[in-house]
Amino acid sequence: MRIVVIAGPPCAGKTTFADLVAGPDDIVLDFDVIARELGSPVLWSHPEPWRSRAEADMQAAVRWAVLEPSGATAWVIRTAPRPRQRAELAARWDAAVYLLNPGERECRRRARADGRPAGTSTSIGEWFSRYAPWIHDQDPGRLRPEWASPSPPVDRGIVCVDPRYV
């Protein structure tokens, strides 16, 4: 199975994007969905024991997908703000990495509109304080043109990092 990592801050639209591009035989591996399926009482910011169990199940699902010989794709949702994190995921899973980054202001707006927990704003701020581009981040516009970065990107309010301009 082909592995594709969709990385970005909280409220960037990673799950929405994965759901849009996933084919009928593909799987979307999303920590929040896994935690809710395990019985987490909240939609996001899962408490223990659901947090640890969801991460273990997520890792097991990716390990299975890496070994699965089908022609489908596993869309793996991760935040991974640091270039090294994304590079390690790409190397470990022989994965392509697409980065969604609509900008901090937009992520905070989405968090308010979605009624996300108060800690989400802090998580968004932490992601942006840790974020750095990586030359191998791919532009989601290669998969869906309407998600493409402006050319050239003008500021941090871009949809993603386009490696041609990093």
N, C-alpha and C. Protein backbone atom coordinates (compact mmCIF):
# COMPACT_ATOMS: atom_id res chain seq x y z
N MET A 1 0.85 -1.17 0.00
CA MET A 1 0.00 0.00 0.00
C MET A 1 0.90 1.23 0.00
N ARG A 2 0.53 2.19 -0.77
CA ARG A 2 1.26 3.47 -0.82
C ARG A 2 0.89 4.27 0.43
N ILE A 3 1.88 4.92 1.04
CA ILE A 3 1.64 5.73 2.23
C ILE A 3 1.83 7.20 1.86
N VAL A 4 0.85 8.03 2.22
CA VAL A 4 0.92 9.47 2.02
C VAL A 4 0.63 10.13 3.35
N VAL A 5 1.56 10.97 3.80
CA VAL A 5 1.38 11.72 5.04
C VAL A 5 0.80 13.09 4.69
N ILE A 6 -0.27 13.45 5.38
CA ILE A 6 -0.83 14.80 5.28
C ILE A 6 -0.50 15.47 6.61
N ALA A 7 0.40 16.44 6.56
CA ALA A 7 0.87 17.11 7.77
C ALA A 7 0.37 18.55 7.81
N GLY A 8 0.31 19.10 9.01
CA GLY A 8 -0.09 20.49 9.17
C GLY A 8 -0.60 20.75 10.57
N PRO A 9 -0.85 22.01 10.86
CA PRO A 9 -1.31 22.38 12.20
C PRO A 9 -2.74 21.91 12.47
N PRO A 10 -3.14 21.95 13.75
CA PRO A 10 -4.54 21.69 14.04
C PRO A 10 -5.42 22.66 13.25
N CYS A 11 -6.51 22.17 12.72
CA CYS A 11 -7.50 22.96 11.97
C CYS A 11 -7.00 23.40 10.59
N ALA A 12 -6.00 22.72 10.06
CA ALA A 12 -5.51 23.05 8.71
C ALA A 12 -6.38 22.45 7.63
N GLY A 13 -7.17 21.43 7.97
CA GLY A 13 -8.00 20.76 6.98
C GLY A 13 -7.42 19.44 6.51
N LYS A 14 -6.56 18.84 7.32
CA LYS A 14 -5.88 17.60 6.93
C LYS A 14 -6.88 16.47 6.67
N THR A 15 -7.80 16.26 7.59
CA THR A 15 -8.77 15.18 7.43
C THR A 15 -9.72 15.49 6.28
N THR A 16 -10.17 16.71 6.17
CA THR A 16 -11.04 17.11 5.06
C THR A 16 -10.35 16.83 3.73
N PHE A 17 -9.09 17.23 3.64
CA PHE A 17 -8.32 17.02 2.42
C PHE A 17 -8.18 15.53 2.11
N ALA A 18 -7.80 14.75 3.12
CA ALA A 18 -7.63 13.30 2.91
C ALA A 18 -8.94 12.66 2.45
N ASP A 19 -10.04 13.06 3.07
CA ASP A 19 -11.34 12.51 2.67
C ASP A 19 -11.70 12.88 1.23
N LEU A 20 -11.27 14.07 0.78
CA LEU A 20 -11.54 14.51 -0.59
C LEU A 20 -10.74 13.73 -1.63
N VAL A 21 -9.49 13.40 -1.30
CA VAL A 21 -8.62 12.77 -2.30
C VAL A 21 -8.58 11.25 -2.20
N ALA A 22 -9.04 10.69 -1.10
CA ALA A 22 -8.99 9.23 -0.93
C ALA A 22 -9.92 8.53 -1.91
N GLY A 23 -9.38 7.48 -2.51
CA GLY A 23 -10.18 6.67 -3.42
C GLY A 23 -11.02 5.66 -2.65
N PRO A 24 -11.87 4.93 -3.35
CA PRO A 24 -12.78 4.00 -2.67
C PRO A 24 -12.06 2.86 -1.94
N ASP A 25 -10.87 2.47 -2.38
CA ASP A 25 -10.13 1.40 -1.71
C ASP A 25 -9.10 1.92 -0.72
N ASP A 26 -8.95 3.24 -0.63
CA ASP A 26 -7.96 3.86 0.25
C ASP A 26 -8.46 3.87 1.69
N ILE A 27 -7.53 4.09 2.62
CA ILE A 27 -7.90 4.27 4.02
C ILE A 27 -7.32 5.60 4.52
N VAL A 28 -8.04 6.24 5.41
CA VAL A 28 -7.58 7.46 6.05
C VAL A 28 -7.32 7.10 7.51
N LEU A 29 -6.07 7.28 7.94
CA LEU A 29 -5.68 6.97 9.31
C LEU A 29 -5.55 8.28 10.08
N ASP A 30 -6.53 8.54 10.92
CA ASP A 30 -6.63 9.80 11.65
C ASP A 30 -6.71 9.49 13.15
N PHE A 31 -5.77 10.03 13.90
CA PHE A 31 -5.69 9.82 15.35
C PHE A 31 -7.02 10.14 16.03
N ASP A 32 -7.63 11.28 15.69
CA ASP A 32 -8.89 11.67 16.35
C ASP A 32 -10.01 10.68 16.07
N VAL A 33 -10.10 10.22 14.84
CA VAL A 33 -11.14 9.24 14.49
C VAL A 33 -10.91 7.94 15.27
N ILE A 34 -9.65 7.50 15.33
CA ILE A 34 -9.33 6.27 16.06
C ILE A 34 -9.70 6.42 17.54
N ALA A 35 -9.34 7.56 18.14
CA ALA A 35 -9.65 7.78 19.56
C ALA A 35 -11.16 7.75 19.80
N ARG A 36 -11.92 8.38 18.92
CA ARG A 36 -13.38 8.37 19.07
C ARG A 36 -13.94 6.96 18.91
N GLU A 37 -13.39 6.19 17.95
CA GLU A 37 -13.84 4.81 17.77
C GLU A 37 -13.55 3.95 19.00
N LEU A 38 -12.49 4.31 19.74
CA LEU A 38 -12.15 3.58 20.96
C LEU A 38 -13.02 4.00 22.15
N GLY A 39 -13.83 5.04 21.96
CA GLY A 39 -14.73 5.48 23.01
C GLY A 39 -14.36 6.77 23.70
N SER A 40 -13.42 7.53 23.16
CA SER A 40 -13.07 8.81 23.77
C SER A 40 -14.32 9.66 23.91
N PRO A 41 -14.49 10.30 25.07
CA PRO A 41 -15.70 11.09 25.30
C PRO A 41 -15.67 12.48 24.63
N VAL A 42 -14.56 12.82 23.97
CA VAL A 42 -14.44 14.13 23.33
C VAL A 42 -14.06 13.96 21.87
N LEU A 43 -14.26 15.01 21.09
CA LEU A 43 -13.94 14.96 19.66
C LEU A 43 -12.45 15.17 19.40
N TRP A 44 -11.80 16.01 20.21
CA TRP A 44 -10.38 16.33 20.05
C TRP A 44 -9.75 16.44 21.44
N SER A 45 -8.42 16.55 21.48
CA SER A 45 -7.70 16.68 22.76
C SER A 45 -8.10 15.55 23.71
N HIS A 46 -7.89 14.34 23.28
CA HIS A 46 -8.34 13.15 23.99
C HIS A 46 -7.57 12.91 25.27
N PRO A 47 -8.29 12.58 26.34
CA PRO A 47 -7.63 12.26 27.61
C PRO A 47 -7.12 10.82 27.60
N GLU A 48 -6.30 10.50 28.59
CA GLU A 48 -5.90 9.11 28.80
C GLU A 48 -7.11 8.34 29.31
N PRO A 49 -7.25 7.09 29.04
CA PRO A 49 -6.32 6.20 28.33
C PRO A 49 -6.50 6.20 26.82
N TRP A 50 -7.51 6.96 26.32
CA TRP A 50 -7.80 6.93 24.89
C TRP A 50 -6.63 7.47 24.05
N ARG A 51 -5.93 8.46 24.58
CA ARG A 51 -4.82 9.07 23.84
C ARG A 51 -3.74 8.03 23.54
N SER A 52 -3.27 7.33 24.55
CA SER A 52 -2.21 6.33 24.36
C SER A 52 -2.67 5.17 23.50
N ARG A 53 -3.88 4.72 23.73
CA ARG A 53 -4.40 3.59 22.96
C ARG A 53 -4.58 3.96 21.49
N ALA A 54 -5.08 5.18 21.24
CA ALA A 54 -5.27 5.63 19.85
C ALA A 54 -3.94 5.74 19.13
N GLU A 55 -2.92 6.23 19.81
CA GLU A 55 -1.60 6.33 19.17
C GLU A 55 -1.04 4.94 18.87
N ALA A 56 -1.20 4.00 19.79
CA ALA A 56 -0.73 2.63 19.55
C ALA A 56 -1.48 2.01 18.37
N ASP A 57 -2.80 2.21 18.32
CA ASP A 57 -3.59 1.67 17.22
C ASP A 57 -3.22 2.33 15.90
N MET A 58 -2.95 3.62 15.94
CA MET A 58 -2.53 4.35 14.73
C MET A 58 -1.23 3.78 14.20
N GLN A 59 -0.26 3.59 15.08
CA GLN A 59 1.05 3.04 14.65
C GLN A 59 0.88 1.62 14.09
N ALA A 60 0.04 0.82 14.73
CA ALA A 60 -0.19 -0.54 14.24
C ALA A 60 -0.86 -0.52 12.86
N ALA A 61 -1.80 0.39 12.65
CA ALA A 61 -2.48 0.49 11.36
C ALA A 61 -1.51 0.91 10.26
N VAL A 62 -0.61 1.82 10.56
CA VAL A 62 0.38 2.24 9.55
C VAL A 62 1.34 1.09 9.25
N ARG A 63 1.78 0.37 10.29
CA ARG A 63 2.67 -0.78 10.05
C ARG A 63 1.98 -1.81 9.15
N TRP A 64 0.69 -2.05 9.39
CA TRP A 64 -0.06 -2.97 8.54
C TRP A 64 -0.11 -2.44 7.11
N ALA A 65 -0.43 -1.15 6.95
CA ALA A 65 -0.55 -0.57 5.62
C ALA A 65 0.75 -0.63 4.84
N VAL A 66 1.87 -0.44 5.52
CA VAL A 66 3.18 -0.50 4.86
C VAL A 66 3.40 -1.88 4.25
N LEU A 67 2.94 -2.91 4.93
CA LEU A 67 3.15 -4.29 4.47
C LEU A 67 2.05 -4.79 3.54
N GLU A 68 0.94 -4.10 3.46
CA GLU A 68 -0.20 -4.52 2.63
C GLU A 68 0.16 -4.37 1.16
N PRO A 69 0.06 -5.44 0.36
CA PRO A 69 0.50 -5.39 -1.03
C PRO A 69 -0.50 -4.75 -2.01
N SER A 70 -1.59 -4.20 -1.54
CA SER A 70 -2.60 -3.66 -2.46
C SER A 70 -2.10 -2.39 -3.15
N GLY A 71 -2.80 -1.98 -4.17
CA GLY A 71 -2.46 -0.75 -4.88
C GLY A 71 -3.13 0.48 -4.29
N ALA A 72 -3.80 0.33 -3.17
CA ALA A 72 -4.50 1.44 -2.53
C ALA A 72 -3.51 2.35 -1.80
N THR A 73 -4.03 3.43 -1.25
CA THR A 73 -3.22 4.41 -0.52
C THR A 73 -3.73 4.53 0.90
N ALA A 74 -2.79 4.63 1.85
CA ALA A 74 -3.12 4.97 3.23
C ALA A 74 -2.76 6.43 3.43
N TRP A 75 -3.75 7.25 3.72
CA TRP A 75 -3.57 8.69 3.97
C TRP A 75 -3.40 8.85 5.48
N VAL A 76 -2.22 9.19 5.92
CA VAL A 76 -1.88 9.23 7.34
C VAL A 76 -1.85 10.69 7.80
N ILE A 77 -2.70 11.03 8.76
CA ILE A 77 -2.82 12.39 9.27
C ILE A 77 -1.87 12.56 10.46
N ARG A 78 -0.97 13.54 10.35
CA ARG A 78 -0.03 13.86 11.43
C ARG A 78 0.16 15.37 11.48
N THR A 79 0.52 15.90 12.62
CA THR A 79 0.80 17.34 12.68
C THR A 79 2.24 17.61 12.22
N ALA A 80 3.22 16.98 12.81
CA ALA A 80 4.63 17.02 12.39
C ALA A 80 5.12 18.41 11.96
N PRO A 81 5.26 19.35 12.90
CA PRO A 81 5.69 20.70 12.50
C PRO A 81 7.16 20.81 12.09
N ARG A 82 7.99 19.93 12.61
CA ARG A 82 9.43 20.05 12.35
C ARG A 82 9.82 19.26 11.09
N PRO A 83 10.73 19.83 10.30
CA PRO A 83 11.18 19.14 9.09
C PRO A 83 11.72 17.74 9.38
N ARG A 84 12.45 17.61 10.48
CA ARG A 84 13.01 16.30 10.83
C ARG A 84 11.91 15.26 11.05
N GLN A 85 10.82 15.67 11.69
CA GLN A 85 9.71 14.75 11.92
C GLN A 85 9.14 14.26 10.58
N ARG A 86 8.92 15.19 9.67
CA ARG A 86 8.35 14.81 8.38
C ARG A 86 9.33 13.96 7.58
N ALA A 87 10.63 14.28 7.68
CA ALA A 87 11.65 13.47 6.99
C ALA A 87 11.69 12.06 7.55
N GLU A 88 11.57 11.92 8.87
CA GLU A 88 11.57 10.59 9.49
C GLU A 88 10.35 9.77 9.08
N LEU A 89 9.19 10.42 9.02
CA LEU A 89 7.98 9.72 8.58
C LEU A 89 8.13 9.26 7.13
N ALA A 90 8.65 10.13 6.30
CA ALA A 90 8.84 9.78 4.89
C ALA A 90 9.80 8.61 4.75
N ALA A 91 10.89 8.63 5.50
CA ALA A 91 11.89 7.56 5.40
C ALA A 91 11.36 6.25 6.00
N ARG A 92 10.73 6.33 7.16
CA ARG A 92 10.24 5.13 7.85
C ARG A 92 9.19 4.40 7.03
N TRP A 93 8.32 5.16 6.38
CA TRP A 93 7.20 4.55 5.67
C TRP A 93 7.32 4.64 4.16
N ASP A 94 8.46 5.13 3.66
CA ASP A 94 8.64 5.36 2.22
C ASP A 94 7.43 6.15 1.70
N ALA A 95 7.14 7.26 2.38
CA ALA A 95 5.92 8.01 2.15
C ALA A 95 6.18 9.33 1.43
N ALA A 96 5.19 9.78 0.70
CA ALA A 96 5.15 11.15 0.21
C ALA A 96 4.57 12.00 1.34
N VAL A 97 5.00 13.25 1.46
CA VAL A 97 4.51 14.14 2.50
C VAL A 97 3.92 15.39 1.86
N TYR A 98 2.66 15.65 2.14
CA TYR A 98 1.98 16.86 1.70
C TYR A 98 1.73 17.71 2.93
N LEU A 99 2.02 19.01 2.83
CA LEU A 99 1.86 19.90 3.98
C LEU A 99 0.76 20.90 3.72
N LEU A 100 -0.22 20.93 4.63
CA LEU A 100 -1.28 21.93 4.58
C LEU A 100 -0.96 22.99 5.62
N ASN A 101 -0.93 24.24 5.19
CA ASN A 101 -0.63 25.34 6.10
C ASN A 101 -1.43 26.57 5.66
N PRO A 102 -2.66 26.68 6.13
CA PRO A 102 -3.46 27.85 5.74
C PRO A 102 -3.12 29.10 6.54
N GLY A 103 -2.15 29.02 7.42
CA GLY A 103 -1.75 30.16 8.25
C GLY A 103 -2.39 30.11 9.63
N GLU A 104 -1.69 30.69 10.58
CA GLU A 104 -2.13 30.64 11.97
C GLU A 104 -3.48 31.32 12.17
N ARG A 105 -3.69 32.47 11.58
CA ARG A 105 -4.95 33.19 11.74
C ARG A 105 -6.12 32.34 11.25
N GLU A 106 -5.97 31.70 10.09
CA GLU A 106 -7.05 30.88 9.54
C GLU A 106 -7.32 29.65 10.41
N CYS A 107 -6.25 29.02 10.92
CA CYS A 107 -6.43 27.86 11.80
C CYS A 107 -7.20 28.25 13.06
N ARG A 108 -6.86 29.41 13.63
CA ARG A 108 -7.57 29.87 14.83
C ARG A 108 -9.04 30.19 14.51
N ARG A 109 -9.29 30.77 13.34
CA ARG A 109 -10.66 31.07 12.94
C ARG A 109 -11.46 29.77 12.82
N ARG A 110 -10.86 28.76 12.19
CA ARG A 110 -11.53 27.47 12.03
C ARG A 110 -11.80 26.82 13.38
N ALA A 111 -10.84 26.94 14.30
CA ALA A 111 -11.02 26.35 15.64
C ALA A 111 -12.23 26.96 16.34
N ARG A 112 -12.36 28.28 16.25
CA ARG A 112 -13.52 28.95 16.86
C ARG A 112 -14.81 28.51 16.17
N ALA A 113 -14.79 28.48 14.84
CA ALA A 113 -15.99 28.11 14.08
C ALA A 113 -16.43 26.67 14.36
N ASP A 114 -15.46 25.78 14.59
CA ASP A 114 -15.76 24.37 14.87
C ASP A 114 -16.13 24.11 16.32
N GLY A 115 -15.96 25.13 17.18
CA GLY A 115 -16.21 24.94 18.60
C GLY A 115 -15.18 24.03 19.25
N ARG A 116 -13.94 24.13 18.78
CA ARG A 116 -12.87 23.30 19.34
C ARG A 116 -12.59 23.69 20.79
N PRO A 117 -12.02 22.76 21.57
CA PRO A 117 -11.71 23.08 22.98
C PRO A 117 -10.70 24.23 23.08
N ALA A 118 -10.72 24.90 24.23
CA ALA A 118 -9.85 26.06 24.45
C ALA A 118 -8.38 25.75 24.19
N GLY A 119 -7.92 24.56 24.51
CA GLY A 119 -6.52 24.20 24.32
C GLY A 119 -6.10 24.14 22.86
N THR A 120 -7.05 24.12 21.94
CA THR A 120 -6.71 24.05 20.52
C THR A 120 -5.93 25.28 20.08
N SER A 121 -6.31 26.44 20.58
CA SER A 121 -5.61 27.67 20.22
C SER A 121 -4.14 27.59 20.65
N THR A 122 -3.90 27.04 21.83
CA THR A 122 -2.53 26.85 22.31
C THR A 122 -1.79 25.87 21.42
N SER A 123 -2.45 24.78 21.03
CA SER A 123 -1.82 23.79 20.16
C SER A 123 -1.47 24.39 18.81
N ILE A 124 -2.34 25.22 18.28
CA ILE A 124 -2.06 25.89 17.01
C ILE A 124 -0.83 26.78 17.16
N GLY A 125 -0.79 27.58 18.22
CA GLY A 125 0.37 28.45 18.46
C GLY A 125 1.66 27.66 18.62
N GLU A 126 1.59 26.53 19.32
CA GLU A 126 2.78 25.70 19.49
C GLU A 126 3.24 25.13 18.15
N TRP A 127 2.31 24.70 17.31
CA TRP A 127 2.68 24.17 16.00
C TRP A 127 3.43 25.23 15.21
N PHE A 128 2.89 26.44 15.16
CA PHE A 128 3.53 27.50 14.37
C PHE A 128 4.87 27.93 14.96
N SER A 129 5.03 27.83 16.27
CA SER A 129 6.33 28.17 16.86
C SER A 129 7.39 27.11 16.55
N ARG A 130 6.97 25.88 16.28
CA ARG A 130 7.90 24.78 15.97
C ARG A 130 8.08 24.58 14.46
N TYR A 131 7.18 25.13 13.67
CA TYR A 131 7.16 24.86 12.23
C TYR A 131 8.39 25.40 11.50
N ALA A 132 8.86 24.59 10.58
CA ALA A 132 9.88 25.01 9.61
C ALA A 132 9.61 24.23 8.33
N PRO A 133 9.86 24.84 7.17
CA PRO A 133 9.64 24.13 5.91
C PRO A 133 10.67 23.03 5.70
N TRP A 134 10.32 22.09 4.87
CA TRP A 134 11.20 20.99 4.48
C TRP A 134 11.14 20.92 2.97
N ILE A 135 12.26 20.80 2.33
CA ILE A 135 12.33 20.84 0.87
C ILE A 135 11.49 19.76 0.19
N HIS A 136 11.20 18.66 0.88
CA HIS A 136 10.44 17.58 0.27
C HIS A 136 8.94 17.62 0.58
N ASP A 137 8.49 18.65 1.32
CA ASP A 137 7.04 18.82 1.50
C ASP A 137 6.44 19.05 0.12
N GLN A 138 5.36 18.35 -0.17
CA GLN A 138 4.72 18.50 -1.48
C GLN A 138 3.47 19.37 -1.39
N ASP A 139 3.19 20.05 -2.45
CA ASP A 139 2.05 20.93 -2.57
C ASP A 139 0.79 20.10 -2.82
N PRO A 140 -0.23 20.20 -1.94
CA PRO A 140 -1.47 19.46 -2.16
C PRO A 140 -2.14 19.80 -3.49
N GLY A 141 -1.78 20.91 -4.09
CA GLY A 141 -2.32 21.26 -5.39
C GLY A 141 -1.96 20.26 -6.47
N ARG A 142 -0.93 19.43 -6.20
CA ARG A 142 -0.59 18.37 -7.15
C ARG A 142 -1.66 17.29 -7.15
N LEU A 143 -2.42 17.19 -6.05
CA LEU A 143 -3.49 16.21 -5.95
C LEU A 143 -4.86 16.83 -6.25
N ARG A 144 -5.05 18.05 -5.77
CA ARG A 144 -6.30 18.78 -6.02
C ARG A 144 -5.91 20.23 -6.31
N PRO A 145 -6.04 20.67 -7.55
CA PRO A 145 -5.57 22.00 -7.94
C PRO A 145 -6.12 23.15 -7.09
N GLU A 146 -7.33 23.02 -6.58
CA GLU A 146 -7.89 24.12 -5.79
C GLU A 146 -7.18 24.30 -4.44
N TRP A 147 -6.34 23.32 -4.07
CA TRP A 147 -5.60 23.43 -2.82
C TRP A 147 -4.16 23.90 -3.07
N ALA A 148 -3.85 24.33 -4.27
CA ALA A 148 -2.48 24.71 -4.60
C ALA A 148 -2.06 25.99 -3.89
N SER A 149 -0.76 26.09 -3.65
CA SER A 149 -0.18 27.31 -3.09
C SER A 149 -0.21 28.41 -4.14
N PRO A 150 -0.32 29.66 -3.69
CA PRO A 150 -0.13 30.75 -4.65
C PRO A 150 1.29 30.69 -5.18
N SER A 151 1.53 31.19 -6.35
CA SER A 151 2.89 31.16 -6.92
C SER A 151 3.37 32.57 -7.16
N PRO A 152 4.41 33.00 -6.52
CA PRO A 152 5.04 32.37 -5.36
C PRO A 152 4.23 32.67 -4.10
N PRO A 153 4.41 31.84 -3.05
CA PRO A 153 3.69 32.11 -1.81
C PRO A 153 4.10 33.48 -1.25
N VAL A 154 3.13 34.19 -0.74
CA VAL A 154 3.39 35.54 -0.29
C VAL A 154 3.69 35.61 1.21
N ASP A 155 3.05 34.77 2.00
CA ASP A 155 3.24 34.85 3.45
C ASP A 155 2.92 33.51 4.09
N ARG A 156 2.80 33.49 5.41
CA ARG A 156 2.49 32.25 6.12
C ARG A 156 1.05 31.83 5.93
N GLY A 157 0.24 32.63 5.27
CA GLY A 157 -1.15 32.31 5.07
C GLY A 157 -1.36 31.44 3.84
N ILE A 158 -0.34 30.70 3.46
CA ILE A 158 -0.46 29.86 2.28
C ILE A 158 -1.14 28.54 2.64
N VAL A 159 -1.67 27.87 1.65
CA VAL A 159 -2.34 26.60 1.89
C VAL A 159 -1.33 25.54 2.26
N CYS A 160 -0.15 25.60 1.72
CA CYS A 160 0.87 24.61 1.99
C CYS A 160 2.22 25.21 1.65
N VAL A 161 3.25 24.42 1.82
CA VAL A 161 4.57 24.85 1.41
C VAL A 161 4.84 24.25 0.05
N ASP A 162 5.15 25.07 -0.90
CA ASP A 162 5.51 24.62 -2.23
C ASP A 162 7.02 24.53 -2.29
N PRO A 163 7.60 23.33 -2.44
CA PRO A 163 9.05 23.19 -2.38
C PRO A 163 9.80 23.99 -3.43
N ARG A 164 9.13 24.43 -4.49
CA ARG A 164 9.82 25.24 -5.50
C ARG A 164 10.23 26.59 -4.95
N TYR A 165 9.58 27.04 -3.86
CA TYR A 165 9.82 28.39 -3.34
C TYR A 165 10.40 28.40 -1.94
N VAL A 166 10.78 27.24 -1.42
CA VAL A 166 11.37 27.18 -0.07
C VAL A 166 12.84 27.56 -0.17
